[in-house]
Protein backbone atom coordinates (compact mmCIF):
# COMPACT_ATOMS: atom_id res chain seq x y z
CA MET A 1 -9.40 -92.44 224.12
CA GLN A 2 -12.82 -93.00 222.63
CA VAL A 3 -12.29 -90.96 219.48
CA PRO A 4 -9.24 -92.91 218.27
CA ALA A 5 -10.94 -96.20 219.06
CA VAL A 6 -14.06 -95.13 217.18
CA LEU A 7 -12.00 -94.05 214.16
CA ILE A 8 -10.11 -97.33 214.16
CA PHE A 9 -13.25 -99.45 214.38
CA ILE A 10 -15.13 -97.42 211.78
CA TYR A 11 -12.44 -97.02 209.12
CA VAL A 12 -10.34 -100.18 209.33
CA ASP A 13 -11.31 -102.45 206.44
CA ALA A 14 -9.90 -105.59 208.05
CA LEU A 15 -12.49 -105.46 210.81
CA ASP A 16 -15.35 -105.00 208.31
CA MET A 17 -17.26 -102.66 210.65
CA LYS A 18 -18.09 -99.61 208.54
CA ASP A 19 -21.47 -99.13 210.13
CA SER A 20 -22.65 -98.07 213.57
CA ARG A 21 -21.24 -101.20 215.23
CA GLY A 22 -17.76 -99.68 214.96
CA LEU A 23 -19.01 -96.50 216.60
CA TYR A 24 -20.52 -98.31 219.57
CA LEU A 25 -17.59 -100.71 219.92
CA GLY A 26 -15.14 -97.77 219.91
CA VAL A 27 -17.10 -95.95 222.62
CA ALA A 28 -17.31 -99.14 224.69
CA CYS A 29 -13.56 -99.71 224.38
CA GLY A 30 -12.87 -96.11 225.37
CA TYR A 31 -15.00 -96.45 228.50
CA GLY A 32 -13.33 -99.77 229.29
CA VAL A 33 -9.86 -98.23 229.14
CA LEU A 34 -10.98 -95.27 231.26
CA SER A 35 -12.48 -97.62 233.84
CA ILE A 36 -9.19 -99.50 234.10
CA LEU A 37 -7.18 -96.29 234.44
CA TYR A 38 -9.49 -94.81 237.09
CA SER A 39 -9.50 -98.09 239.01
CA ARG A 40 -5.70 -98.07 239.13
CA LEU A 41 -5.74 -94.44 240.24
CA LEU A 42 -8.15 -95.19 243.09
CA TRP A 43 -6.30 -98.35 244.09
CA ASN A 44 -2.88 -96.64 244.24
CA THR A 45 -4.01 -93.53 246.13
CA ASP A 46 -2.72 -93.12 249.70
CA TRP A 47 -6.04 -92.35 251.35
CA ASP A 48 -4.49 -91.61 254.76
CA GLU A 49 -2.42 -88.84 253.15
CA VAL A 50 -5.48 -87.47 251.36
CA LEU A 51 -7.43 -87.46 254.63
CA ALA A 52 -4.63 -85.65 256.49
CA SER A 53 -4.40 -83.05 253.73
CA ALA A 54 -8.16 -82.48 253.79
CA LYS A 55 -8.16 -82.09 257.58
CA GLU A 56 -5.32 -79.57 257.35
CA ARG A 57 -7.13 -77.50 254.71
CA SER A 58 -10.34 -77.64 256.75
CA ALA A 59 -8.53 -76.47 259.89
CA LYS A 60 -7.00 -73.54 258.00
CA LYS A 61 -10.39 -72.61 256.61
CA GLU A 62 -12.01 -72.73 260.06
CA ALA A 63 -9.20 -70.60 261.53
CA THR A 64 -9.74 -68.02 258.80
CA LYS A 65 -13.50 -68.01 259.46
CA ASP A 66 -12.89 -67.53 263.19
CA GLU A 67 -10.54 -64.60 262.53
CA VAL A 68 -13.09 -62.95 260.28
CA ALA A 69 -15.85 -63.56 262.82
CA ASP A 70 -13.71 -62.04 265.59
CA ASN A 71 -12.97 -58.99 263.47
CA ASP A 72 -16.64 -58.60 262.64
CA LYS A 73 -17.57 -58.78 266.34
CA GLU A 74 -15.08 -56.08 267.20
CA ASN A 75 -16.12 -53.63 264.52
CA THR A 76 -19.64 -54.00 263.24
CA PRO A 77 -20.71 -51.55 260.53
CA VAL A 78 -22.92 -49.64 263.00
CA GLU A 79 -20.04 -49.25 265.47
CA ILE A 80 -17.71 -48.07 262.71
CA GLU A 81 -20.26 -45.46 261.64
CA LEU A 82 -20.71 -44.26 265.24
CA GLU A 83 -16.94 -43.96 265.66
CA LYS A 84 -16.74 -41.85 262.49
CA LYS A 85 -19.50 -39.54 263.73
CA GLU A 86 -17.84 -39.15 267.13
CA LYS A 87 -14.55 -38.17 265.48
CA VAL A 88 -16.28 -35.54 263.35
CA GLY A 89 -18.27 -34.28 266.33
CA GLU A 90 -21.74 -35.15 265.05
CA PRO A 91 -24.32 -36.27 267.60
CA SER A 92 -24.76 -40.00 267.79
CA LEU A 93 -28.07 -41.82 267.68
């Protein structure tokens, strides 16, 4: 949004801004439009739905972490190595 505004303000003869004022005015207009658009986005967002979605994703992530932790408790690398040695018939530590 800023680039078209800058080009308009710099190159339009009717506005008589062929110096750096057009550049700064174009950037300011671009930021103004972005501020309006982001404000509308924030205002129209259903924050209860966003919160519920975030809680659901967090619960899934925690469940996955718990499953991994349970699997790690059952078979630690040392235990896996001992099981392999026992199967082969090597003496354990």
